[in-house]
């Protein structure tokens, strides 16, 4: 198999032609500044301290290191819970697209109902659902939630978001990368019995869908080519950032031994 999506306890990663290949979101996260994420992390810790004085005092009684260790990981716990909820919503959405009957946990019912309403309202005919895409030329991979046809025959790539803050601009880069990938790997029997690489069809637009307990909002990304161009720049920065020290900075230098002849 040329492209693999490998699941782990903490997420997933991709291999292409036997080599690990970066995911779309990994490249965006590594190459795009996110100052608001820093503000969010600080606010989560500050709000926890303000709202949980007894717990903070109990942690402080166990020692400074335990208190600091807990607080510095606080935002990660919140992030991971939100990511887990998002993964569950995506999985249920995939089953909805497939027409399956599903049992929905009560805490996710509103989000799943919003997804069902979106699918009913927009009447998208699924073409590619939760199948990995990749580019050998630009060396990346990822998994779009849905690529399908609208009633006006336009082909759209869809990404669901369920966070509290809505749709961020970087979603355009994500959808641009999915839309302009070179191929997707079909499921055995879907198009070919072996489950082979298939070219990604020409996608006309992107839809970022914010799913909430009280409904949904859909946002169009019309200029996928422009978004893809910017994604490639961001991906270049992400790759370069990983090797900046090795590429440009020498090992620690010996103290120079200047001589009169050298100075002259």
Protein backbone atom coordinates (compact mmCIF):
# COMPACT_ATOMS: atom_id res chain seq x y z
CA UNK A 1 0.00 0.00 0.00
CA UNK A 2 1.51 3.32 -1.07
CA UNK A 3 -0.38 5.54 1.40
CA UNK A 4 -1.18 4.59 4.95
CA UNK A 5 -2.98 6.38 7.77
CA UNK A 6 -1.72 4.83 10.99
CA UNK A 7 -3.80 5.26 14.15
CA UNK A 8 -2.13 5.64 17.55
CA UNK A 9 -3.36 6.15 21.11
CA UNK A 10 -2.88 9.91 20.78
CA UNK A 11 -3.87 10.51 17.14
CA UNK A 12 -2.60 9.35 13.77
CA UNK A 13 0.18 9.82 11.25
CA UNK A 14 0.78 9.02 7.59
CA UNK A 15 3.27 7.02 5.55
CA UNK A 16 3.72 7.44 1.82
CA UNK A 17 5.83 4.95 -0.14
CA UNK A 18 7.13 3.59 3.16
CA UNK A 19 8.28 6.98 4.48
CA UNK A 20 6.61 9.12 7.09
CA UNK A 21 4.93 12.11 5.44
CA UNK A 22 3.71 15.21 7.33
CA UNK A 23 0.01 15.83 7.66
CA UNK A 24 -1.71 18.99 6.46
CA UNK A 25 -2.62 20.20 9.94
CA UNK A 26 0.88 19.40 11.28
CA UNK A 27 2.43 21.61 8.60
CA UNK A 28 -0.05 24.43 9.22
CA UNK A 29 0.51 24.28 12.98
CA UNK A 30 4.29 24.31 12.49
CA UNK A 31 4.43 27.16 9.97
CA UNK A 32 1.69 29.58 10.98
CA UNK A 33 1.99 31.85 14.05
CA UNK A 34 -0.88 31.46 16.52
CA UNK A 35 -0.66 34.23 19.10
CA UNK A 36 -4.31 33.80 20.06
CA UNK A 37 -3.57 30.20 21.02
CA UNK A 38 -1.03 31.47 23.55
CA UNK A 39 -3.63 33.86 24.95
CA UNK A 40 -6.15 31.03 25.17
CA UNK A 41 -3.73 28.77 27.07
CA UNK A 42 -2.93 31.54 29.55
CA UNK A 43 -6.64 32.27 30.04
CA UNK A 44 -7.45 28.60 30.70
CA UNK A 45 -4.87 28.47 33.50
CA UNK A 46 -5.92 31.83 34.96
CA UNK A 47 -9.61 30.87 34.95
CA UNK A 48 -8.86 27.52 36.58
CA UNK A 49 -6.94 29.21 39.40
CA UNK A 50 -9.68 31.83 39.85
CA UNK A 51 -12.52 29.27 39.88
CA UNK A 52 -10.93 26.39 41.81
CA UNK A 53 -9.26 27.93 44.83
CA UNK A 54 -9.70 24.83 47.04
CA UNK A 55 -8.15 22.51 44.45
CA UNK A 56 -5.26 24.92 43.92
CA UNK A 57 -4.65 25.10 47.68
CA UNK A 58 -4.67 21.30 47.89
CA UNK A 59 -2.13 21.08 45.10
CA UNK A 60 0.01 23.78 46.71
CA UNK A 61 0.03 21.77 49.94
CA UNK A 62 1.64 18.91 48.03
CA UNK A 63 4.50 21.14 46.96
CA UNK A 64 5.36 23.81 44.44
CA UNK A 65 6.50 21.36 41.77
CA UNK A 66 3.19 19.48 41.76
CA UNK A 67 1.18 22.70 41.52
CA UNK A 68 3.33 24.07 38.69
CA UNK A 69 3.29 20.72 36.89
CA UNK A 70 -0.51 20.56 37.00
CA UNK A 71 -1.10 24.14 35.92
CA UNK A 72 1.33 24.07 33.00
CA UNK A 73 -0.51 21.03 31.59
CA UNK A 74 -4.00 22.43 32.24
CA UNK A 75 -4.54 23.84 28.74
CA UNK A 76 -3.42 20.56 27.17
CA UNK A 77 -6.08 18.64 29.10
CA UNK A 78 -8.75 21.07 27.88
CA UNK A 79 -7.42 20.84 24.32
CA UNK A 80 -7.35 17.04 24.38
CA UNK A 81 -10.92 16.82 25.65
CA UNK A 82 -12.06 19.13 22.86
CA UNK A 83 -10.09 17.10 20.31
CA UNK A 84 -11.67 13.89 21.57
CA UNK A 85 -15.12 15.42 21.25
CA UNK A 86 -14.29 16.61 17.74
CA UNK A 87 -13.08 13.15 16.75
CA UNK A 88 -16.31 11.61 18.01
CA UNK A 89 -18.41 14.14 16.10
CA UNK A 90 -16.41 13.49 12.91
CA UNK A 91 -16.89 9.76 13.28
CA UNK A 92 -20.64 10.12 13.75
CA UNK A 93 -20.79 12.53 10.80
CA UNK A 94 -19.05 9.96 8.61
CA UNK A 95 -21.69 7.39 9.54
CA UNK A 96 -24.44 9.92 8.81
CA UNK A 97 -23.06 10.46 5.30
CA UNK A 98 -23.06 6.69 4.81
CA UNK A 99 -26.74 6.59 5.79
CA UNK A 100 -26.15 4.45 8.87
CA UNK A 101 -28.37 4.47 11.94
CA UNK A 102 -26.33 5.74 14.87
CA UNK A 103 -26.60 6.05 18.62
CA UNK A 104 -25.50 9.51 19.69
CA UNK A 105 -24.25 10.34 23.20
CA UNK A 106 -26.46 12.95 24.81
CA UNK A 107 -23.65 15.49 25.11
CA UNK A 108 -23.04 15.33 21.33
CA UNK A 109 -26.67 15.18 20.20
CA UNK A 110 -26.90 18.88 19.26
CA UNK A 111 -23.72 18.80 17.18
CA UNK A 112 -24.75 15.65 15.33
CA UNK A 113 -28.22 17.05 14.68
CA UNK A 114 -26.57 20.18 13.28
CA UNK A 115 -24.47 18.01 10.96
CA UNK A 116 -27.54 16.12 9.79
CA UNK A 117 -29.30 19.43 9.14
CA UNK A 118 -26.33 20.68 7.12
CA UNK A 119 -26.30 17.55 4.97
CA UNK A 120 -30.06 17.81 4.42
CA UNK A 121 -29.95 21.53 3.63
CA UNK A 122 -27.03 21.40 1.21
CA UNK A 123 -27.95 18.04 -0.37
CA UNK A 124 -24.36 17.05 -1.00
CA UNK A 125 -23.86 13.82 -2.95
CA UNK A 126 -20.79 12.16 -1.38
CA UNK A 127 -17.85 11.25 -3.59
CA UNK A 128 -14.99 10.85 -1.11
CA UNK A 129 -15.69 10.40 2.62
CA UNK A 130 -12.90 10.31 5.22
CA UNK A 131 -10.35 8.85 2.79
CA UNK A 132 -6.70 9.97 2.95
CA UNK A 133 -5.31 12.19 0.21
CA UNK A 134 -1.66 12.94 -0.56
CA UNK A 135 0.79 14.81 -2.77
CA UNK A 136 4.14 13.38 -3.75
CA UNK A 137 5.21 16.63 -5.40
CA UNK A 138 4.67 18.72 -2.25
CA UNK A 139 5.04 15.80 0.18
CA UNK A 140 2.04 15.97 2.48
CA UNK A 141 -1.04 13.96 3.34
CA UNK A 142 -4.33 14.42 5.17
CA UNK A 143 -7.92 13.28 5.44
CA UNK A 144 -10.78 15.55 4.33
CA UNK A 145 -14.13 14.99 6.00
CA UNK A 146 -16.03 14.96 2.74
CA UNK A 147 -15.74 15.72 -0.96
CA UNK A 148 -19.05 15.73 -2.77
CA UNK A 149 -21.29 17.30 -5.39
CA UNK A 150 -23.81 20.05 -4.80
CA UNK A 151 -27.13 20.13 -6.70
CA UNK A 152 -25.58 22.78 -9.01
CA UNK A 153 -22.89 20.19 -9.97
CA UNK A 154 -20.07 22.00 -8.19
CA UNK A 155 -17.65 19.72 -6.37
CA UNK A 156 -16.87 20.90 -2.81
CA UNK A 157 -14.51 19.79 -0.08
CA UNK A 158 -16.03 19.99 3.41
CA UNK A 159 -14.39 20.26 6.81
CA UNK A 160 -16.34 20.19 10.07
CA UNK A 161 -15.25 22.29 13.04
CA UNK A 162 -16.82 21.98 16.49
CA UNK A 163 -14.68 24.26 18.65
CA UNK A 164 -16.15 27.09 20.69
CA UNK A 165 -14.38 29.79 18.69
CA UNK A 166 -15.75 28.94 15.25
CA UNK A 167 -13.86 28.95 11.96
CA UNK A 168 -10.28 30.23 11.81
CA UNK A 169 -8.59 31.51 8.66
CA UNK A 170 -6.17 28.60 8.57
CA UNK A 171 -9.10 26.34 7.64
CA UNK A 172 -8.84 27.80 4.14
CA UNK A 173 -5.26 26.48 3.90
CA UNK A 174 -6.38 23.08 5.12
CA UNK A 175 -9.14 22.82 2.52
CA UNK A 176 -6.86 24.16 -0.21
CA UNK A 177 -4.33 21.42 0.53
CA UNK A 178 -6.98 18.70 0.51
CA UNK A 179 -8.52 19.97 -2.71
CA UNK A 180 -5.22 20.17 -4.60
CA UNK A 181 -3.75 16.88 -3.44
CA UNK A 182 -2.81 14.59 -6.31
CA UNK A 183 -4.58 11.40 -5.29
CA UNK A 184 -6.69 9.68 -2.68
CA UNK A 185 -6.59 6.08 -1.59
CA UNK A 186 -9.94 4.43 -2.16
CA UNK A 187 -11.35 1.70 0.02
CA UNK A 188 -11.11 -1.84 -1.35
CA UNK A 189 -14.17 -2.39 -3.48
CA UNK A 190 -15.21 1.27 -3.62
CA UNK A 191 -13.71 1.97 -7.04
CA UNK A 192 -11.15 -0.80 -7.45
CA UNK A 193 -11.17 -4.15 -5.69
CA UNK A 194 -7.61 -3.63 -4.48
CA UNK A 195 -8.12 -0.16 -3.05
CA UNK A 196 -5.72 1.79 -5.26
CA UNK A 197 -4.65 5.38 -5.72
CA UNK A 198 -7.23 7.46 -7.53
CA UNK A 199 -6.80 11.06 -8.76
CA UNK A 200 -8.51 13.71 -6.68
CA UNK A 201 -11.15 15.25 -8.96
CA UNK A 202 -11.07 18.99 -9.61
CA UNK A 203 -12.70 20.60 -6.58
CA UNK A 204 -14.47 23.91 -7.20
CA UNK A 205 -14.85 25.31 -3.67
CA UNK A 206 -14.49 24.56 0.01
CA UNK A 207 -17.06 24.63 2.79
CA UNK A 208 -15.99 25.09 6.40
CA UNK A 209 -18.91 24.05 8.61
CA UNK A 210 -19.08 25.16 12.23
CA UNK A 211 -21.15 22.59 14.10
CA UNK A 212 -22.66 23.69 17.41
CA UNK A 213 -25.21 22.32 19.85
CA UNK A 214 -27.67 24.97 18.62
CA UNK A 215 -27.12 24.64 14.87
CA UNK A 216 -24.47 25.26 12.23
CA UNK A 217 -22.93 27.93 10.02
CA UNK A 218 -21.28 27.21 6.66
CA UNK A 219 -18.51 29.38 5.19
CA UNK A 220 -17.24 29.20 1.61
CA UNK A 221 -13.60 29.15 0.54
CA UNK A 222 -13.94 30.15 -3.11
CA UNK A 223 -10.26 30.68 -3.98
CA UNK A 224 -8.84 27.23 -3.30
CA UNK A 225 -5.88 27.85 -5.63
CA UNK A 226 -4.89 30.94 -3.66
CA UNK A 227 -5.31 29.07 -0.38
CA UNK A 228 -3.15 26.24 -1.70
CA UNK A 229 -0.39 28.64 -2.76
CA UNK A 230 -0.32 30.08 0.75
CA UNK A 231 -0.39 26.59 2.26
CA UNK A 232 2.79 25.72 0.34
CA UNK A 233 4.55 28.78 1.79
CA UNK A 234 3.40 27.87 5.30
CA UNK A 235 4.50 24.27 4.79
CA UNK A 236 7.94 25.48 3.66
CA UNK A 237 8.31 27.53 6.84
CA UNK A 238 7.22 24.56 8.96
CA UNK A 239 9.80 22.28 7.37
CA UNK A 240 12.56 24.90 7.65
CA UNK A 241 11.75 25.63 11.30
CA UNK A 242 12.57 22.03 12.22
CA UNK A 243 16.16 22.30 10.93
CA UNK A 244 17.06 25.97 11.42
CA UNK A 245 19.72 25.31 14.03
CA UNK A 246 21.43 22.53 12.09
CA UNK A 247 21.22 24.40 8.77
CA UNK A 248 22.51 27.80 9.84
CA UNK A 249 24.21 27.66 13.25
CA UNK A 250 27.62 26.09 13.76
CA UNK A 251 28.68 24.03 16.76
CA UNK A 252 30.00 26.07 19.70
CA UNK A 253 33.25 27.74 18.67
CA UNK A 254 36.59 27.49 20.45
CA UNK A 255 37.84 30.68 22.07
CA UNK A 256 39.96 32.45 19.43
CA UNK A 257 43.67 32.77 20.04
CA UNK A 258 44.41 36.09 18.41
CA UNK A 259 48.04 36.85 17.66
CA UNK A 260 49.74 40.08 16.72
CA UNK A 261 50.23 38.81 13.20
CA UNK A 262 46.54 37.91 12.91
CA UNK A 263 45.35 41.33 14.11
CA UNK A 264 47.80 43.12 11.79
